[in-house]
Amino acid sequence: MTMLLLSVTIGQLYAQKVGTTSFQFLKVMPTARATALGDAFVTLARGADAAFWNPGGLARIENQEVTTTLTSWIFDTKLIAMAYDIPMGNLGNVCFQFQYVDYGTIQETRADMPDLVITPEGSRFFNSGLTGRSFTPYSYVLGVSYAQTFTDKFSAGGTVKYAMESLWSDPVVTIVNKTTGETRAVKTYADVLLFDFGMLYNTGYRSVQVGVAVQNFGPQVTFVDKPHPAPLAFRIGISGNLFGKEGLFFQDETNRLTLAYDLFQPNDYLQQMHLGAEYSFSEFIALRGGYKVDYDSEGFTYGFGINSALSGWPISIDYSYGKMNEFLNNVHRISLGVQFK
């Protein structure tokens, strides 16, 4: 069944054309640790963070965990993501996720209004089409995941999520045909049910792990009468510690250096690669860096993280910085995670 699903997914990935997908906000990934590693995270995803990257990693914790990420994206867009992972013993783990995108307030313009305006006083100015009205588009995702550890080395999971994107303040508008005078009501939003699947495998050789994830598998998204596919994506990766516990080169109880590599295939672009490195001292403070290969505007990523405890509850604070091109804002993310004991 798993191989059949992967075959169908890969077939759909290569069947789509570049730049033809809808719901682009689903491609903006949360989790500061993951994005600091250049998105090379399919094998490193654990606990609540795994809900966004590889649901197979949800089963790899024994305590309840909540995580939240705030992303400052381009053009003043803000993204909030939250996940709550609940272990249920031999029954597996259940995780709930929520994502919300705030695009801010946008001034309404009309294509038939731009004109050179001459005031009664004789002054001239160009009206760019502003109507004086504004609107606030938004998007959100609600999802639930289930994951199970089948052996001490293999775990897998799946997610079902409802995604919705609104382009206008009112849910329905009336369109008038200027030629015939006919009117029709159309929705200003689109929604769809999507699925994620993921697997995580510990090879048993030192710290080497392999992971696979399929994201946003589902039907096409239709705005008015124009259907487009969701941003289906396939990730496969490998990671290992060069040194540290179970290090490939030597053992070290204090210092750890982890390298990760992901091969990433979206359905609306060429094949891409993600490279990441993380150095950790005593699992207390971590320095991270990454690089995203074959991207138009993204490249190097950096970040750090701190792990501590509050009243006996482990907490983590992570930050990441993503460099964009000269015409776009750089991206900042901050994440907070708490385990409840």
Protein backbone atom coordinates (compact mmCIF):
# COMPACT_ATOMS: atom_id res chain seq x y z
CA MET A 1 0.00 0.00 0.00
CA THR A 2 2.80 2.41 0.90
CA MET A 3 4.68 1.75 -2.34
CA LEU A 4 1.46 2.20 -4.34
CA LEU A 5 0.83 5.55 -2.66
CA LEU A 6 4.39 6.70 -3.36
CA SER A 7 4.11 5.62 -7.00
CA VAL A 8 0.87 7.54 -7.50
CA THR A 9 2.31 10.60 -5.75
CA ILE A 10 5.51 10.67 -7.79
CA GLY A 11 3.45 10.28 -10.97
CA GLN A 12 1.36 13.31 -10.05
CA LEU A 13 4.47 15.31 -9.16
CA TYR A 14 5.94 14.92 -12.62
CA ALA A 15 2.58 15.42 -14.35
CA GLN A 16 2.14 19.05 -13.23
CA LYS A 17 3.59 22.15 -14.85
CA VAL A 18 5.77 24.77 -13.17
CA GLY A 19 3.83 27.48 -11.34
CA THR A 20 0.35 25.93 -11.63
CA THR A 21 -0.54 25.12 -8.02
CA SER A 22 -2.92 26.88 -5.66
CA PHE A 23 -2.71 27.44 -1.88
CA GLN A 24 0.88 28.68 -1.99
CA PHE A 25 0.79 29.40 1.74
CA LEU A 26 1.12 25.64 2.36
CA LYS A 27 4.67 25.85 0.99
CA VAL A 28 5.75 28.26 3.74
CA MET A 29 6.95 25.81 6.38
CA PRO A 30 6.92 26.52 10.13
CA THR A 31 9.38 25.37 12.87
CA ALA A 32 12.48 27.51 13.43
CA ARG A 33 14.81 24.55 13.98
CA ALA A 34 13.81 22.94 10.68
CA THR A 35 14.04 26.10 8.61
CA ALA A 36 17.42 27.01 10.14
CA LEU A 37 18.63 23.66 8.77
CA GLY A 38 17.58 24.65 5.26
CA ASP A 39 14.41 22.51 5.52
CA ALA A 40 16.52 19.33 5.74
CA PHE A 41 14.25 17.94 8.44
CA VAL A 42 12.32 14.90 7.23
CA THR A 43 14.53 12.55 9.31
CA LEU A 44 14.96 14.88 12.31
CA ALA A 45 11.28 15.72 12.91
CA ARG A 46 10.22 14.60 16.38
CA GLY A 47 7.23 15.26 18.59
CA ALA A 48 4.73 18.01 17.80
CA ASP A 49 6.98 19.64 15.16
CA ALA A 50 6.74 16.46 13.09
CA ALA A 51 3.08 17.28 12.30
CA PHE A 52 4.30 19.83 9.74
CA TRP A 53 7.18 17.80 8.27
CA ASN A 54 6.84 14.04 8.72
CA PRO A 55 3.96 12.58 10.75
CA GLY A 56 6.03 9.42 11.21
CA GLY A 57 8.09 11.34 13.78
CA LEU A 58 5.09 12.10 16.00
CA ALA A 59 5.39 8.71 17.72
CA ARG A 60 8.97 9.31 18.84
CA ILE A 61 8.14 11.02 22.16
CA GLU A 62 6.58 9.67 25.36
CA ASN A 63 5.28 12.92 26.90
CA GLN A 64 2.69 15.41 25.73
CA GLU A 65 4.24 18.27 23.79
CA VAL A 66 3.02 21.57 22.40
CA THR A 67 4.90 23.74 19.93
CA THR A 68 4.18 27.09 18.33
CA THR A 69 5.96 29.11 15.64
CA LEU A 70 5.63 32.73 14.53
CA THR A 71 6.92 33.45 11.03
CA SER A 72 7.56 36.95 9.71
CA TRP A 73 7.20 36.34 5.98
CA ILE A 74 7.58 38.67 2.99
CA PHE A 75 5.41 41.79 2.46
CA ASP A 76 4.49 41.97 6.17
CA THR A 77 2.70 38.62 6.06
CA LYS A 78 2.56 36.78 9.40
CA LEU A 79 2.09 33.04 9.87
CA ILE A 80 1.22 31.30 13.14
CA ALA A 81 1.48 27.52 13.56
CA MET A 82 0.66 25.36 16.59
CA ALA A 83 0.69 21.61 17.23
CA TYR A 84 -0.14 19.45 20.25
CA ASP A 85 1.17 15.87 20.34
CA ILE A 86 -0.54 13.42 22.74
CA PRO A 87 1.05 9.98 23.37
CA MET A 88 -1.44 7.19 24.11
CA GLY A 89 0.92 4.34 25.00
CA ASN A 90 0.60 1.26 22.82
CA LEU A 91 -2.24 2.94 20.90
CA GLY A 92 0.16 5.40 19.26
CA ASN A 93 0.22 9.20 19.22
CA VAL A 94 -2.42 11.73 18.19
CA CYS A 95 -1.52 15.29 17.23
CA PHE A 96 -3.65 18.35 16.49
CA GLN A 97 -2.35 21.22 14.37
CA PHE A 98 -3.47 24.72 13.48
CA GLN A 99 -1.97 27.20 11.04
CA TYR A 100 -3.12 30.72 10.28
CA VAL A 101 -1.86 33.24 7.72
CA ASP A 102 -2.45 36.97 8.20
CA TYR A 103 -1.87 38.88 4.97
CA GLY A 104 -2.65 42.22 6.58
CA THR A 105 -4.95 44.90 5.20
CA ILE A 106 -4.89 45.48 1.43
CA GLN A 107 -6.24 48.58 -0.32
CA GLU A 108 -8.81 47.75 -3.00
CA THR A 109 -8.05 48.83 -6.56
CA ARG A 110 -10.02 48.44 -9.79
CA ALA A 111 -8.56 47.99 -13.28
CA ASP A 112 -11.21 50.23 -14.85
CA MET A 113 -10.49 53.19 -12.55
CA PRO A 114 -6.87 54.29 -13.19
CA ASP A 115 -6.98 57.71 -14.81
CA LEU A 116 -5.39 61.14 -14.86
CA VAL A 117 -7.46 63.34 -12.54
CA ILE A 118 -7.60 67.14 -12.84
CA THR A 119 -8.97 68.92 -9.79
CA PRO A 120 -11.10 72.11 -10.00
CA GLU A 121 -7.99 74.01 -8.93
CA GLY A 122 -6.14 72.69 -11.96
CA SER A 123 -3.72 70.37 -10.15
CA ARG A 124 -3.13 66.97 -11.72
CA PHE A 125 -2.58 63.57 -10.16
CA PHE A 126 -2.80 59.99 -11.32
CA ASN A 127 -5.45 57.81 -9.70
CA SER A 128 -3.94 54.31 -9.52
CA GLY A 129 -7.36 52.70 -9.18
CA LEU A 130 -7.82 52.99 -5.41
CA THR A 131 -11.48 52.82 -4.41
CA GLY A 132 -11.02 53.88 -0.80
CA ARG A 133 -12.06 50.46 0.46
CA SER A 134 -9.82 47.76 1.96
CA PHE A 135 -10.04 44.03 2.63
CA THR A 136 -8.23 41.44 4.75
CA PRO A 137 -7.55 38.06 3.10
CA TYR A 138 -6.49 35.12 5.26
CA SER A 139 -5.78 31.38 5.17
CA TYR A 140 -5.83 28.63 7.77
CA VAL A 141 -5.32 24.90 8.27
CA LEU A 142 -6.88 22.55 10.82
CA GLY A 143 -5.47 19.04 11.02
CA VAL A 144 -5.28 15.86 13.05
CA SER A 145 -2.52 13.26 12.81
CA TYR A 146 -2.02 9.71 13.99
CA ALA A 147 1.34 7.95 14.29
CA GLN A 148 2.46 4.55 15.52
CA THR A 149 5.81 2.94 16.31
CA PHE A 150 5.75 -0.49 14.70
CA THR A 151 9.24 -1.59 15.79
CA ASP A 152 12.06 -0.02 17.77
CA LYS A 153 13.40 1.30 14.45
CA PHE A 154 10.35 2.05 12.30
CA SER A 155 7.42 4.45 12.76
CA ALA A 156 4.82 5.85 10.39
CA GLY A 157 1.94 8.29 10.50
CA GLY A 158 -0.68 10.16 8.55
CA THR A 159 -2.50 13.49 8.69
CA VAL A 160 -5.85 14.69 7.45
CA LYS A 161 -6.21 18.46 7.28
CA TYR A 162 -8.77 21.01 6.18
CA ALA A 163 -7.24 23.99 4.35
CA MET A 164 -9.10 27.19 3.50
CA GLU A 165 -8.06 30.43 1.79
CA SER A 166 -10.20 33.58 1.63
CA LEU A 167 -9.41 36.32 -0.89
CA TRP A 168 -12.06 38.85 0.15
CA SER A 169 -13.82 40.05 3.27
CA ASP A 170 -17.23 38.80 2.11
CA PRO A 171 -17.62 35.04 1.45
CA VAL A 172 -19.78 35.61 -1.65
CA VAL A 173 -19.85 38.40 -4.24
CA THR A 174 -22.12 39.07 -7.22
CA ILE A 175 -20.55 39.36 -10.66
CA VAL A 176 -22.40 41.29 -13.39
CA ASN A 177 -21.82 40.53 -17.08
CA LYS A 178 -21.57 43.99 -18.68
CA THR A 179 -22.65 42.66 -22.05
CA THR A 180 -25.70 40.59 -21.13
CA GLY A 181 -26.53 42.05 -17.74
CA GLU A 182 -26.61 38.57 -16.22
CA THR A 183 -25.51 38.18 -12.62
CA ARG A 184 -24.11 35.25 -10.70
CA ALA A 185 -22.93 34.74 -7.14
CA VAL A 186 -19.43 33.31 -6.67
CA LYS A 187 -17.46 32.30 -3.60
CA THR A 188 -14.43 34.39 -2.72
CA TYR A 189 -12.76 31.49 -0.92
CA ALA A 190 -11.70 27.92 -1.61
CA ASP A 191 -11.33 24.97 0.72
CA VAL A 192 -10.12 21.40 0.42
CA LEU A 193 -9.34 18.27 2.42
CA LEU A 194 -5.68 17.21 2.12
CA PHE A 195 -3.55 14.35 3.44
CA ASP A 196 0.05 13.89 4.59
CA PHE A 197 1.90 10.60 5.05
CA GLY A 198 5.33 9.92 6.53
CA MET A 199 7.74 7.22 7.63
CA LEU A 200 10.87 7.29 9.77
CA TYR A 201 13.43 4.49 9.87
CA ASN A 202 16.45 4.08 12.13
CA THR A 203 18.93 2.02 10.13
CA GLY A 204 20.57 0.63 13.27
CA TYR A 205 23.97 1.78 12.02
CA ARG A 206 25.15 4.34 14.56
CA SER A 207 22.91 7.42 14.22
CA VAL A 208 21.95 7.10 10.55
CA GLN A 209 18.23 7.58 9.89
CA VAL A 210 16.11 7.67 6.74
CA GLY A 211 12.78 9.47 6.33
CA VAL A 212 10.09 9.83 3.67
CA ALA A 213 7.08 12.16 3.60
CA VAL A 214 4.29 13.05 1.17
CA GLN A 215 2.49 16.34 1.82
CA ASN A 216 -0.73 17.95 0.56
CA PHE A 217 -2.09 14.92 -1.28
CA GLY A 218 -5.67 15.52 -2.38
CA PRO A 219 -8.10 16.93 -4.96
CA GLN A 220 -7.76 20.11 -6.95
CA VAL A 221 -8.57 23.50 -5.46
CA THR A 222 -11.19 25.58 -7.28
CA PHE A 223 -11.51 29.37 -7.08
CA VAL A 224 -14.74 30.39 -8.88
CA ASP A 225 -14.49 28.00 -11.87
CA LYS A 226 -10.69 27.65 -12.21
CA PRO A 227 -9.32 24.42 -10.69
CA HIS A 228 -5.64 24.04 -9.84
CA PRO A 229 -3.83 21.31 -7.88
CA ALA A 230 -2.70 21.77 -4.29
CA PRO A 231 1.10 22.05 -3.77
CA LEU A 232 1.82 18.32 -3.55
CA ALA A 233 5.36 17.59 -2.31
CA PHE A 234 7.57 14.55 -1.79
CA ARG A 235 10.50 14.51 0.65
CA ILE A 236 13.12 11.82 1.19
CA GLY A 237 16.16 12.31 3.38
CA ILE A 238 19.02 10.91 5.42
CA SER A 239 20.82 12.21 8.50
CA GLY A 240 23.50 11.17 10.96
CA ASN A 241 25.84 12.46 13.67
CA LEU A 242 29.44 12.93 12.59
CA PHE A 243 30.31 12.99 16.27
CA GLY A 244 28.31 12.76 19.47
CA LYS A 245 26.33 9.85 20.87
CA GLU A 246 26.49 7.10 18.24
CA GLY A 247 28.71 9.36 16.12
CA LEU A 248 29.93 8.06 12.79
CA PHE A 249 33.53 9.11 13.45
CA PHE A 250 33.85 9.17 17.24
CA GLN A 251 31.75 9.16 20.38
CA ASP A 252 31.29 12.32 22.42
CA GLU A 253 28.87 12.79 25.32
CA THR A 254 29.08 16.59 25.24
CA ASN A 255 29.43 17.74 21.66
CA ARG A 256 27.27 16.69 18.72
CA LEU A 257 27.43 17.56 15.03
CA THR A 258 24.53 16.37 12.87
CA LEU A 259 24.34 16.56 9.09
CA ALA A 260 21.07 16.18 7.16
CA TYR A 261 20.18 15.96 3.50
CA ASP A 262 16.70 16.04 1.93
CA LEU A 263 15.74 15.55 -1.69
CA PHE A 264 12.59 17.57 -2.34
CA GLN A 265 10.23 17.23 -5.31
CA PRO A 266 7.28 19.66 -5.56
CA ASN A 267 4.66 19.32 -8.26
CA ASP A 268 5.09 22.88 -9.54
CA TYR A 269 8.85 23.20 -9.82
CA LEU A 270 12.07 21.38 -10.58
CA GLN A 271 13.67 18.95 -8.14
CA GLN A 272 15.36 20.74 -5.22
CA MET A 273 17.75 19.81 -2.40
CA HIS A 274 18.02 20.83 1.24
CA LEU A 275 21.28 20.68 3.24
CA GLY A 276 21.57 21.25 6.99
CA ALA A 277 24.08 21.07 9.84
CA GLU A 278 23.52 21.37 13.59
CA TYR A 279 26.15 21.65 16.33
CA SER A 280 24.93 21.07 19.88
CA PHE A 281 26.79 21.55 23.17
CA SER A 282 25.44 19.34 25.98
CA GLU A 283 22.05 19.40 24.20
CA PHE A 284 21.67 22.83 25.82
CA ILE A 285 22.56 25.25 23.04
CA ALA A 286 22.62 24.54 19.30
CA LEU A 287 23.97 26.43 16.31
CA ARG A 288 22.47 25.67 12.90
CA GLY A 289 23.00 26.41 9.25
CA GLY A 290 21.60 25.25 5.95
CA TYR A 291 21.35 25.81 2.24
CA LYS A 292 18.46 25.35 -0.20
CA VAL A 293 19.60 24.28 -3.68
CA ASP A 294 17.84 25.25 -6.94
CA TYR A 295 15.60 27.94 -5.44
CA ASP A 296 14.89 31.23 -7.22
CA SER A 297 14.99 33.50 -4.19
CA GLU A 298 16.06 31.40 -1.19
CA GLY A 299 19.50 30.07 -0.27
CA PHE A 300 21.39 30.24 3.01
CA THR A 301 19.64 29.80 6.36
CA TYR A 302 20.96 30.24 9.92
CA GLY A 303 19.69 29.88 13.45
CA PHE A 304 20.17 28.74 17.01
CA GLY A 305 18.26 27.02 19.78
CA ILE A 306 18.25 26.70 23.56
CA ASN A 307 16.91 23.73 25.54
CA SER A 308 16.18 24.13 29.23
CA ALA A 309 13.55 23.25 31.84
CA LEU A 310 10.82 25.18 33.62
CA SER A 311 9.44 23.57 36.78
CA GLY A 312 10.75 20.25 35.50
CA TRP A 313 9.12 20.66 32.07
CA PRO A 314 11.59 20.64 29.14
CA ILE A 315 11.27 23.75 27.00
CA SER A 316 12.94 24.76 23.76
CA ILE A 317 13.34 28.17 22.14
CA ASP A 318 14.52 28.31 18.54
CA TYR A 319 15.20 31.07 16.02
CA SER A 320 15.88 30.95 12.29
CA TYR A 321 16.84 33.46 9.61
CA GLY A 322 16.31 32.89 5.92
CA LYS A 323 18.02 35.02 3.31
CA MET A 324 15.88 36.02 0.32
CA ASN A 325 16.91 37.94 -2.79
CA GLU A 326 17.55 41.70 -2.83
CA PHE A 327 13.93 42.56 -3.70
CA LEU A 328 12.26 40.58 -0.89
CA ASN A 329 12.36 40.79 2.89
CA ASN A 330 14.46 38.29 4.79
CA VAL A 331 12.43 35.77 6.78
CA HIS A 332 12.50 35.36 10.57
CA ARG A 333 10.95 32.56 12.61
CA ILE A 334 10.80 31.96 16.34
CA SER A 335 9.49 28.75 17.92
CA LEU A 336 8.61 27.70 21.46
CA GLY A 337 8.14 24.10 22.51
CA VAL A 338 7.11 22.60 25.88
CA GLN A 339 6.90 18.97 27.04
CA PHE A 340 4.56 18.17 29.92
CA LYS A 341 5.70 15.56 32.40
